[in-house]
Every structure is written in C-alpha cells, then in structure tokens.
Protein backbone atom coordinates (compact mmCIF):
# COMPACT_ATOMS: atom_id res chain seq x y z
CA MET A 1 -186.41 -82.34 54.69
CA LEU A 2 -185.71 -81.84 58.03
CA GLY A 3 -187.33 -85.47 58.38
CA ASN A 4 -185.23 -86.60 55.58
CA PHE A 5 -182.18 -85.29 57.40
CA VAL A 6 -182.83 -87.34 60.62
CA SER A 7 -183.82 -90.59 58.66
CA LEU A 8 -180.67 -90.38 56.94
CA SER A 9 -178.64 -88.92 59.83
CA ILE A 10 -179.87 -92.22 61.88
CA VAL A 11 -178.83 -94.49 58.45
CA GLN A 12 -175.47 -92.70 58.65
CA PHE A 13 -175.40 -93.25 62.63
CA ALA A 14 -175.76 -96.91 62.04
CA ASN A 15 -173.29 -97.36 59.29
CA TYR A 16 -170.56 -96.03 61.45
CA LEU A 17 -171.49 -96.69 64.87
CA ALA A 18 -171.21 -100.59 63.58
CA PRO A 19 -167.51 -100.57 62.61
CA LEU A 20 -167.11 -98.62 65.66
CA ILE A 21 -168.28 -100.66 67.74
CA THR A 22 -166.66 -104.03 66.48
CA LEU A 23 -163.51 -101.91 65.40
CA PRO A 24 -161.84 -102.62 68.72
CA TYR A 25 -162.63 -106.36 68.80
CA LEU A 26 -161.96 -106.93 65.47
CA PHE A 27 -158.42 -104.96 66.36
CA ARG A 28 -157.35 -107.15 69.22
CA VAL A 29 -159.23 -110.37 68.15
CA LEU A 30 -158.08 -110.67 64.61
CA GLY A 31 -154.45 -109.01 65.10
CA PRO A 32 -153.29 -106.35 63.34
CA SER A 33 -152.19 -108.35 60.45
CA ASN A 34 -155.24 -109.74 59.59
CA TYR A 35 -157.70 -106.96 60.57
CA GLY A 36 -155.20 -104.96 57.72
CA LEU A 37 -155.77 -107.25 55.47
CA THR A 38 -159.83 -106.97 55.70
CA GLU A 39 -159.48 -103.54 55.50
CA LEU A 40 -157.21 -103.60 52.46
CA ALA A 41 -159.57 -105.89 50.72
CA ARG A 42 -162.35 -103.95 51.93
CA ALA A 43 -160.76 -100.26 49.89
CA ILE A 44 -160.20 -102.36 47.11
CA SER A 45 -164.34 -102.97 47.26
CA VAL A 46 -164.59 -99.82 47.70
CA TYR A 47 -163.30 -98.70 44.02
CA PHE A 48 -165.97 -100.82 42.65
CA LEU A 49 -168.87 -99.70 44.74
CA MET A 50 -167.98 -96.28 42.88
CA LEU A 51 -167.91 -97.83 39.36
CA THR A 52 -171.76 -99.90 40.13
CA ASP A 53 -172.75 -96.33 41.28
CA TYR A 54 -171.39 -95.01 38.89
CA GLY A 55 -172.88 -91.06 39.41
CA PHE A 56 -176.52 -92.11 39.73
CA SER A 57 -176.55 -91.47 43.62
CA LEU A 58 -176.83 -87.52 42.47
CA SER A 59 -177.92 -87.44 38.68
CA ALA A 60 -180.68 -90.00 39.52
CA THR A 61 -181.40 -88.44 43.01
CA GLN A 62 -181.35 -84.75 40.94
CA GLU A 63 -183.66 -85.95 37.78
CA ILE A 64 -186.33 -87.73 40.21
CA SER A 65 -186.51 -85.06 42.47
CA VAL A 66 -187.57 -82.99 39.57
CA HIS A 67 -190.19 -85.31 37.98
CA ARG A 68 -191.25 -87.15 41.41
CA ASP A 69 -194.77 -86.24 40.62
CA ASP A 70 -194.72 -88.03 37.23
CA PRO A 71 -194.90 -91.84 37.81
CA ARG A 72 -193.71 -92.68 34.31
CA LYS A 73 -190.57 -90.80 34.35
CA VAL A 74 -189.77 -92.19 37.56
CA SER A 75 -190.52 -95.70 36.35
CA GLU A 76 -188.45 -94.74 33.46
CA VAL A 77 -185.52 -93.30 35.62
CA PHE A 78 -185.84 -96.44 38.12
CA SER A 79 -185.31 -98.95 35.37
CA CYS A 80 -182.65 -97.48 33.15
CA VAL A 81 -180.56 -96.66 36.21
CA MET A 82 -180.66 -100.64 37.80
CA LEU A 83 -180.27 -101.88 34.48
CA LEU A 84 -177.09 -99.69 33.96
CA LYS A 85 -175.87 -100.77 37.36
CA PHE A 86 -176.52 -104.42 37.09
CA LEU A 87 -173.84 -103.92 33.24
CA LEU A 88 -171.29 -102.70 35.76
CA LEU A 89 -171.68 -104.69 38.79
CA ILE A 90 -170.82 -107.60 36.10
CA LEU A 91 -167.90 -105.49 34.00
CA SER A 92 -167.12 -104.41 38.33
CA PHE A 93 -166.68 -108.85 39.06
CA LEU A 94 -164.36 -109.37 35.85
CA ILE A 95 -162.10 -106.48 36.70
CA LEU A 96 -161.56 -107.97 40.42
CA THR A 97 -161.23 -111.26 38.90
CA LEU A 98 -158.45 -110.07 36.56
CA LEU A 99 -157.07 -108.03 39.49
CA VAL A 100 -156.90 -111.04 41.58
CA LEU A 101 -154.93 -113.29 39.48
CA ALA A 102 -152.46 -110.62 37.78
CA VAL A 103 -151.08 -109.42 41.67
CA PRO A 104 -149.80 -112.03 43.47
CA LYS A 105 -150.07 -110.00 46.88
CA PHE A 106 -153.96 -110.18 46.41
CA ARG A 107 -153.72 -113.75 44.76
CA ALA A 108 -152.53 -115.05 47.95
CA ASP A 109 -155.25 -114.05 49.71
CA TRP A 110 -158.00 -114.64 47.20
CA PRO A 111 -161.08 -114.96 48.97
CA VAL A 112 -161.30 -112.11 51.45
CA TYR A 113 -161.44 -109.94 48.02
CA PHE A 114 -164.06 -111.94 46.77
CA LEU A 115 -166.15 -112.12 49.93
CA SER A 116 -165.70 -108.16 50.37
CA PHE A 117 -167.23 -108.05 46.97
CA GLY A 118 -170.22 -108.80 48.41
CA SER A 119 -170.70 -105.30 49.76
CA VAL A 120 -171.00 -104.17 45.85
CA ILE A 121 -173.79 -106.12 45.11
CA GLY A 122 -175.85 -105.02 47.97
CA MET A 123 -175.34 -101.60 47.33
CA TRP A 124 -176.85 -102.38 43.29
CA LEU A 125 -179.84 -103.88 45.18
CA PHE A 126 -180.61 -100.70 47.59
CA PRO A 127 -181.83 -97.50 45.04
CA ILE A 128 -181.25 -95.11 47.67
CA TRP A 129 -181.37 -92.43 45.18
CA LEU A 130 -184.91 -93.53 44.85
CA PHE A 131 -185.91 -92.68 47.92
CA GLN A 132 -183.83 -89.46 48.30
CA GLY A 133 -185.49 -88.17 45.18
CA LEU A 134 -188.96 -89.13 46.46
CA GLU A 135 -188.08 -87.22 49.60
CA ARG A 136 -189.37 -90.40 51.16
CA MET A 137 -186.65 -91.59 53.46
CA LYS A 138 -188.32 -92.78 56.63
CA TYR A 139 -188.24 -97.00 55.75
CA ILE A 140 -184.99 -97.00 55.42
CA PRO A 141 -183.75 -96.12 59.15
CA LEU A 142 -185.21 -99.63 60.47
CA LEU A 143 -184.26 -101.30 57.56
CA ASN A 144 -180.70 -100.55 58.09
CA VAL A 145 -180.36 -100.50 61.88
CA THR A 146 -181.77 -103.97 62.05
CA ALA A 147 -179.21 -105.16 59.61
CA LYS A 148 -176.45 -103.46 61.18
CA THR A 149 -177.44 -105.18 64.89
CA LEU A 150 -177.57 -108.86 63.09
CA VAL A 151 -173.87 -107.99 61.56
CA VAL A 152 -172.86 -106.71 64.56
CA LEU A 153 -174.15 -109.36 66.97
CA GLY A 154 -172.61 -112.15 64.12
CA ILE A 155 -169.38 -110.38 64.29
CA PHE A 156 -169.32 -110.74 68.24
CA VAL A 157 -170.26 -114.08 68.25
CA PHE A 158 -168.52 -116.04 65.45
CA ILE A 159 -165.21 -114.12 65.45
CA ARG A 160 -163.54 -115.69 68.11
CA LYS A 161 -159.70 -115.93 66.74
CA PRO A 162 -156.97 -114.33 63.80
CA SER A 163 -158.01 -117.27 61.72
CA ASP A 164 -161.43 -116.10 61.71
CA TYR A 165 -160.88 -113.32 59.62
CA LEU A 166 -162.61 -114.80 56.42
CA LEU A 167 -165.91 -114.12 58.82
CA ALA A 168 -165.29 -110.19 58.72
CA PRO A 169 -165.96 -109.35 55.02
CA LEU A 170 -168.36 -112.27 54.91
CA LEU A 171 -170.99 -110.99 57.63
CA GLN A 172 -170.73 -107.41 56.52
CA SER A 173 -171.23 -108.16 53.15
CA ALA A 174 -173.97 -110.41 54.02
CA GLY A 175 -175.41 -107.29 56.38
CA THR A 176 -175.42 -105.09 53.45
CA ILE A 177 -177.16 -107.44 50.92
CA LEU A 178 -179.98 -107.92 53.59
CA ILE A 179 -180.21 -104.08 53.56
CA GLY A 180 -180.38 -104.41 49.36
CA LEU A 181 -182.76 -106.53 49.01
CA ALA A 182 -185.01 -104.77 51.96
CA GLY A 183 -184.56 -101.65 50.26
CA LEU A 184 -185.77 -102.91 46.87
CA ILE A 185 -188.74 -104.08 48.01
CA VAL A 186 -190.45 -101.67 49.91
CA ALA A 187 -189.52 -99.23 46.85
CA LEU A 188 -191.73 -101.67 44.75
CA CYS A 189 -194.51 -101.89 47.61
CA LYS A 190 -194.83 -98.43 48.32
CA PHE A 191 -193.78 -96.09 45.32
CA PRO A 192 -195.58 -95.90 41.98
CA ILE A 193 -193.04 -97.33 39.63
CA ARG A 194 -192.96 -100.05 37.31
CA PHE A 195 -190.20 -101.63 35.91
CA GLN A 196 -189.65 -101.48 32.37
CA VAL A 197 -187.07 -102.16 29.71
CA PRO A 198 -186.11 -99.06 28.70
CA SER A 199 -184.80 -98.03 25.19
CA LEU A 200 -181.42 -97.42 23.95
CA GLY A 201 -181.96 -93.67 23.83
CA VAL A 202 -183.23 -93.45 27.22
CA LEU A 203 -179.78 -95.67 28.99
CA LYS A 204 -177.59 -93.31 26.85
CA ARG A 205 -178.90 -90.60 28.44
CA GLU A 206 -178.57 -91.77 32.02
CA PHE A 207 -175.46 -93.18 31.08
CA ALA A 208 -174.37 -89.20 29.86
CA ASN A 209 -175.88 -87.51 32.86
CA GLY A 210 -173.62 -89.63 35.01
CA TRP A 211 -170.42 -89.68 33.52
CA HIS A 212 -169.14 -86.21 34.69
CA LEU A 213 -170.36 -86.89 38.65
CA PHE A 214 -168.84 -90.45 38.21
CA LEU A 215 -165.18 -89.06 37.21
CA SER A 216 -165.81 -86.88 40.11
CA ARG A 217 -166.58 -89.43 42.89
CA MET A 218 -164.05 -91.94 41.67
CA ALA A 219 -161.48 -88.96 41.64
CA ILE A 220 -162.94 -88.33 45.57
CA THR A 221 -162.37 -92.04 45.94
CA PHE A 222 -158.59 -92.40 44.64
CA TYR A 223 -157.83 -89.54 46.83
CA THR A 224 -159.88 -91.11 50.48
CA THR A 225 -159.16 -94.88 49.63
CA SER A 226 -156.28 -95.23 47.53
CA ASN A 227 -154.28 -94.41 50.35
CA ILE A 228 -155.13 -98.11 52.30
CA VAL A 229 -154.10 -99.61 48.89
CA VAL A 230 -151.02 -98.01 48.26
CA LEU A 231 -149.70 -98.66 52.13
CA GLY A 232 -150.47 -102.46 51.68
CA LEU A 233 -148.60 -102.83 48.31
CA VAL A 234 -145.83 -100.37 49.69
CA THR A 235 -145.58 -101.99 53.29
CA ASP A 236 -147.59 -104.42 54.80
CA SER A 237 -150.62 -105.33 56.49
CA THR A 238 -150.05 -104.39 60.01
CA PHE A 239 -149.20 -100.41 59.19
CA VAL A 240 -152.38 -100.75 57.22
CA ALA A 241 -154.11 -101.48 60.27
CA TYR A 242 -152.64 -98.49 62.09
CA TYR A 243 -153.77 -96.29 59.50
CA ALA A 244 -157.19 -97.77 59.41
CA ALA A 245 -158.25 -97.93 62.41
CA GLY A 246 -157.32 -93.97 63.02
CA ASP A 247 -158.86 -93.43 59.50
CA LYS A 248 -161.68 -94.87 60.86
CA ILE A 249 -162.56 -93.38 63.39
CA VAL A 250 -162.03 -89.59 61.90
CA ARG A 251 -163.70 -90.75 58.55
CA ALA A 252 -166.99 -91.40 60.95
CA VAL A 253 -167.28 -88.43 62.71
CA VAL A 254 -166.94 -86.93 58.83
CA ASP A 255 -169.29 -88.65 57.49
CA GLY A 256 -171.49 -88.50 59.97
CA LEU A 257 -172.10 -85.23 60.21
CA GLN A 258 -171.33 -84.56 56.05
CA VAL A 259 -173.32 -87.22 54.37
CA PRO A 260 -176.73 -87.08 56.17
CA LEU A 261 -176.83 -83.36 55.90
CA SER A 262 -175.53 -83.31 52.22
CA GLN A 263 -177.94 -85.77 51.00
CA ALA A 264 -181.00 -84.36 52.50
CA ILE A 265 -179.99 -80.29 50.92
CA PHE A 266 -178.94 -81.49 47.93
CA PRO A 267 -182.13 -82.39 45.99
CA HIS A 268 -183.91 -78.88 47.76
CA ILE A 269 -181.07 -76.73 46.56
CA GLY A 270 -181.43 -78.31 42.95
CA ARG A 271 -184.85 -76.94 43.19
CA LEU A 272 -184.12 -73.60 44.40
CA ALA A 273 -181.32 -73.31 41.46
CA SER A 274 -183.52 -73.91 38.77
CA GLN A 275 -185.71 -71.22 40.28
CA SER A 276 -183.78 -68.71 41.54
CA LYS A 277 -179.59 -69.19 42.08
CA GLN A 278 -179.30 -66.10 44.59
CA ALA A 279 -182.19 -68.36 46.71
CA ALA A 280 -180.18 -71.23 46.23
CA LEU A 281 -176.75 -69.42 47.15
CA ARG A 282 -178.30 -68.08 50.48
CA PHE A 283 -180.06 -71.19 51.43
CA THR A 284 -176.70 -73.17 51.15
CA ALA A 285 -174.71 -70.00 52.72
CA ARG A 286 -176.62 -70.58 55.59
CA VAL A 287 -176.36 -74.37 56.18
CA ALA A 288 -172.28 -73.50 55.60
CA LYS A 289 -171.96 -71.37 58.53
CA LEU A 290 -173.93 -73.40 60.51
CA ALA A 291 -171.49 -76.99 59.63
CA GLY A 292 -168.48 -74.72 59.35
CA LEU A 293 -169.15 -74.13 63.17
CA VAL A 294 -170.00 -77.10 64.72
CA THR A 295 -167.22 -78.68 62.38
CA LEU A 296 -164.69 -76.64 63.45
CA ALA A 297 -165.49 -77.60 67.54
CA THR A 298 -165.70 -81.30 65.81
CA SER A 299 -162.05 -81.13 64.78
CA ALA A 300 -160.88 -79.33 67.77
CA GLY A 301 -162.49 -82.27 69.69
CA LEU A 302 -161.12 -85.12 67.58
CA PHE A 303 -157.21 -83.36 68.01
CA VAL A 304 -157.67 -83.25 71.83
CA SER A 305 -159.60 -86.48 72.31
CA ALA A 306 -157.19 -88.36 69.86
CA PRO A 307 -155.12 -90.03 72.84
CA TYR A 308 -157.91 -91.71 74.65
CA LEU A 309 -159.98 -92.65 71.17
CA ALA A 310 -156.74 -94.18 69.90
CA GLY A 311 -156.85 -96.55 73.34
CA ILE A 312 -160.45 -97.68 73.06
CA VAL A 313 -159.57 -98.84 70.08
CA MET A 314 -155.88 -100.16 69.27
CA ALA A 315 -154.60 -100.75 73.58
CA GLU A 316 -151.33 -100.70 73.43
CA LYS A 317 -150.67 -99.67 69.91
CA ALA A 318 -152.55 -96.81 70.72
CA ALA A 319 -149.70 -94.66 69.85
CA GLU A 320 -149.68 -95.45 66.12
CA GLY A 321 -153.26 -94.21 66.06
CA VAL A 322 -152.89 -90.75 67.95
CA ARG A 323 -150.42 -89.61 64.86
CA VAL A 324 -152.72 -90.80 62.63
CA ILE A 325 -156.26 -89.20 63.93
CA ARG A 326 -154.36 -85.91 65.12
CA VAL A 327 -153.14 -85.27 61.50
CA LEU A 328 -156.76 -85.84 60.12
CA SER A 329 -158.31 -83.97 62.55
CA LEU A 330 -159.06 -81.17 60.68
CA LEU A 331 -160.58 -83.38 58.24
CA PRO A 332 -164.36 -82.15 59.46
CA LEU A 333 -164.18 -78.90 58.71
CA ILE A 334 -162.30 -79.28 55.59
CA VAL A 335 -164.35 -81.84 54.04
CA SER A 336 -167.67 -79.72 54.87
CA LEU A 337 -166.31 -76.71 53.51
CA SER A 338 -165.23 -78.90 49.85
CA ASN A 339 -168.81 -80.37 50.40
CA THR A 340 -170.41 -77.44 49.89
CA PHE A 341 -168.26 -76.03 47.37
CA GLY A 342 -168.30 -79.06 45.38
CA VAL A 343 -171.28 -81.25 45.70
CA GLN A 344 -173.88 -78.85 46.93
CA ILE A 345 -172.81 -75.78 44.63
CA MET A 346 -171.03 -77.21 41.26
CA VAL A 347 -173.03 -79.90 40.62
CA ASN A 348 -176.64 -77.98 41.16
CA PHE A 349 -175.31 -75.05 39.42
CA GLY A 350 -173.93 -76.96 35.94
CA LEU A 351 -170.28 -76.99 36.82
CA LYS A 352 -169.86 -80.78 37.16
CA LYS A 353 -167.09 -80.55 34.20
CA LEU A 354 -164.99 -78.15 36.27
CA LEU A 355 -165.60 -80.53 39.51
CA THR A 356 -164.18 -83.12 37.50
CA ARG A 357 -161.44 -81.86 36.26
CA ILE A 358 -160.25 -80.65 39.77
CA LEU A 359 -160.89 -83.81 41.44
CA THR A 360 -159.24 -85.92 38.66
CA VAL A 361 -155.89 -83.58 39.78
CA ALA A 362 -156.87 -83.98 43.19
CA GLY A 363 -156.82 -87.96 42.90
CA VAL A 364 -153.19 -87.95 40.89
CA LEU A 365 -151.99 -85.54 43.80
CA ASP A 366 -152.96 -87.50 46.90
CA ILE A 367 -151.44 -91.16 44.82
CA LEU A 368 -148.29 -89.03 44.02
CA LEU A 369 -148.25 -87.85 47.69
CA ALA A 370 -149.03 -91.56 49.04
CA LEU A 371 -145.86 -93.04 47.10
CA LEU A 372 -143.60 -90.74 48.09
CA LEU A 373 -144.60 -90.45 52.07
CA ALA A 374 -145.59 -94.18 52.69
CA ALA A 375 -142.22 -95.74 52.35
CA PRO A 376 -140.57 -93.45 54.50
CA LEU A 377 -143.58 -92.27 57.30
CA LYS A 378 -145.57 -95.62 56.35
CA HIS A 379 -148.95 -94.93 57.98
CA VAL A 380 -148.64 -91.08 59.17
CA GLY A 381 -147.35 -90.34 55.60
CA VAL A 382 -150.48 -91.42 54.13
CA ALA A 383 -152.29 -89.61 56.63
CA MET A 384 -150.73 -86.46 55.44
CA ALA A 385 -150.90 -87.26 52.10
CA SER A 386 -154.54 -87.29 52.70
CA LEU A 387 -154.99 -84.27 54.73
CA THR A 388 -152.54 -82.09 52.07
CA THR A 389 -155.37 -83.28 49.28
CA GLU A 390 -158.33 -82.28 50.75
CA ILE A 391 -157.01 -78.59 51.81
CA PHE A 392 -155.95 -78.58 47.82
CA VAL A 393 -158.89 -79.77 46.85
CA THR A 394 -161.11 -77.22 49.06
CA VAL A 395 -158.83 -74.21 48.14
CA VAL A 396 -159.41 -74.94 44.60
CA LEU A 397 -163.01 -75.61 44.63
CA PHE A 398 -163.08 -71.96 46.34
CA LEU A 399 -161.12 -69.97 44.36
CA ALA A 400 -162.89 -71.24 41.18
CA LEU A 401 -166.23 -70.70 42.32
CA ARG A 402 -165.48 -67.53 43.09
CA LYS A 403 -163.87 -66.84 39.19
CA ASN A 404 -167.41 -68.21 38.20
CA GLY A 405 -169.43 -65.32 40.32
CA LEU A 406 -170.87 -67.74 42.96
CA ASP A 407 -168.78 -67.29 46.60
CA VAL A 408 -171.25 -68.55 49.24
CA PHE A 409 -169.68 -66.46 51.60
CA ARG A 410 -170.78 -63.42 49.63
CA ALA A 411 -174.12 -64.82 49.65
CA VAL A 412 -173.94 -64.56 53.50
CA ARG A 413 -173.20 -60.83 53.61
CA GLU A 414 -175.95 -59.97 50.71
CA PRO A 415 -179.21 -58.74 52.15
CA GLN A 416 -182.27 -60.44 50.57
CA PRO A 417 -184.54 -59.01 48.31
CA ALA A 418 -186.94 -56.91 50.06
CA LYS A 419 -190.49 -57.93 49.72
CA ALA A 420 -193.47 -56.51 47.41
C-alpha cells in the first residue's frame, strides 16, 4: 500500500506540477481573456470526463481488488468497463456537439471546446482503475511524468502570443491521449487480462454497480467545476481567469495531498470492511488523524502565502488572486475530512445511496450560491460559494455517519480488543 501511495503521489505531483509550471506563463502570454477561455473549455470537458468515467474509478477498482487473484474475473470486469466507457465517450461527444451548436457563446469559440475534449479520449484509454484494483501502480509514474514533461516543453516552445491559445488545449489533450495509450499497452502486456465480448447481463451489472457512484461524482463535479461555468456565462472570461488561477493553486495542493492517499487506501479499506468493520474504522481513523494535522498546517500556509503565490502567477493582477486563494485556503482540511467520511467510509460501508443524496443536494446548493454571488462579487463570490458548499458537505456527511453508528473519531478513542 505504501508503494502504491508513493506511485500515486508521483502521478498526482506530475498532474498538478505541470499546470502550475505553465500557469504563470500562459496567464501572461495568452492574457487573462484567452487564458480564461481555455479554462472555461477545460471546465466543460470535466463534465464529460465524469460522464465517461461514470463510477468505474471506484466500483471497478473495488471489484477488481476483491477478485484480483482470478484472471478470468478481472478480464471480464476490464472488458465490460472499457466497452461501457467507450459508449459513454460517444454519448459525451454528441452532447458536446449539441451544446456548442445551441449556445452562441460556445459556438463562437467552438474549436477550443472540441480540442479540450481530447482529454476525455485519453482518460477513456487509461485503465488506471485496473492498476489501482490490482495494486500495481509502479508502471504509471514513468509514463505520466514523461508525457507531462513533453506537454510542458511543447507549451513553452510553441505558445508565443495570445493568438496561440488553441495550442494550449491541443497540447494538453495530446499528452492525456499519450498517457492513455501507454497505460493501456502496459496493462495488456503486463497483466493476465484478455479482452472478451461481455454478455448483456454483465454489462447491466457493472453499469448498476457504478450508478450511485456516478451520481456522487457528478454531484461533486457540479460543486467543484460549475463555478467556472457559471462565472463564464454570467460575467466574462477575464473573471474566469482570476478565479481559475487562484482555484488551480489551491486545488493543486488539495488534490496533491488527498488523491494519492485516497486512491491508495481505498481498496485496502474495502478489503478490511469485508472482514471487520471495526478494523476498517480504526485504520481509517488513524489515517484521518494524520491527514487532518497535515492539511490543517497546509491550510494555514496557503492563507499566509497567498500574496506570494498569486504574485508569481498573476503579476500585476495578483490582488485578484489573493482574494480567491484566501477564501479557499480552508479547502485542504475540509476536503480531507469529507473524503474520509464520504469515499473511504460511506462507499466501503455500503452507504452509496446516502452519499449520492447528500452530494446531489450540495451540487444544487453550489449552483444556486454561484448564481446568486457571481454577478455582484464575480470571482470572489464563486469562491465563497465553493467554500460554503464544501463545509456543508463535510458537516452533513459527519452527521449522517454518526446517525448510522459510524463515527470515525470515536474509533480513534476506542481501544483495540485484546489479543487472545
């Protein structure tokens, strides 16, 4: 598990280091307006990333982790998930086409939205859920770092003026597709899996397994991504740039800390929960306690260093970024807690439907708050909407777990049973 955490940390570090390296350069060279447009297109593509991913990143990971010693079962899940994701990819492309044609603001800049869609293709190709379920992540860091390095070099070499803004989504999509192809090839060559045409019954089963997780993840996407979309529709791409720059800095820290740990411990907690709920709770509690201390210090560091971070990225527009970073600086701590309560406990303890309902309400709340605050407060308003929603999610998840007799903090205080 520690090896998987290190591998995932390297992957996540590359995923967020690359944008942070290029962020100041793109903000200055493209200008706030063009940079904001590329970020709006990226935000739109995230919806389709979630639709194509469905809930398989968790449901397939969980199923493969349980049956990883059965090559026939693993091949069945692999084949089924890849086929379903391909069908969802086609559906996503059709929806994007209709959206671009129907909305004049999108139609005017249609190439940037289709170029950004390349990242969806790349994520379909990359079966990272297979690597996670088998707990064989050692192959991924080299592929990921190599592709991200090529993307960063391409941005610095080829993007020289504001009119080069279309190259930004093109290069980023190309890097994602490269990683996806390489990961798929490694999986087919290194793991005992074979593609087979799944039966209709198996397809229905896998689709049903991921349904509530899909709704949960889509709800999360609404309250983490819709702020940019709402801001882009209500104001203009310059304010999108201000918010996106500050949000990207904070989210890089949040996801850089949370995602590798979450992905590494999720299958382990799932196996523990299938054997002993108390053992799973105790393990989760130990991890949550350590993560809470680290993320609390991180949140304080973000608040204090906001002027310095914004100055590096946004130069003379740094004041606009400082306001966003400071509003969002609590997110490392808040998101760490909500991930523990939601993904690690609720999903692994069979409370997927409850999680879905809570996150759906949160998604609606965030959009309403963003619509209410975007016009008068612009980028700062949607930052406030994002923080308020994250706090709401964490508090409600905690209360729901206590109501169901799953208090992770009580698990910290309870002594382990004496050994016989």
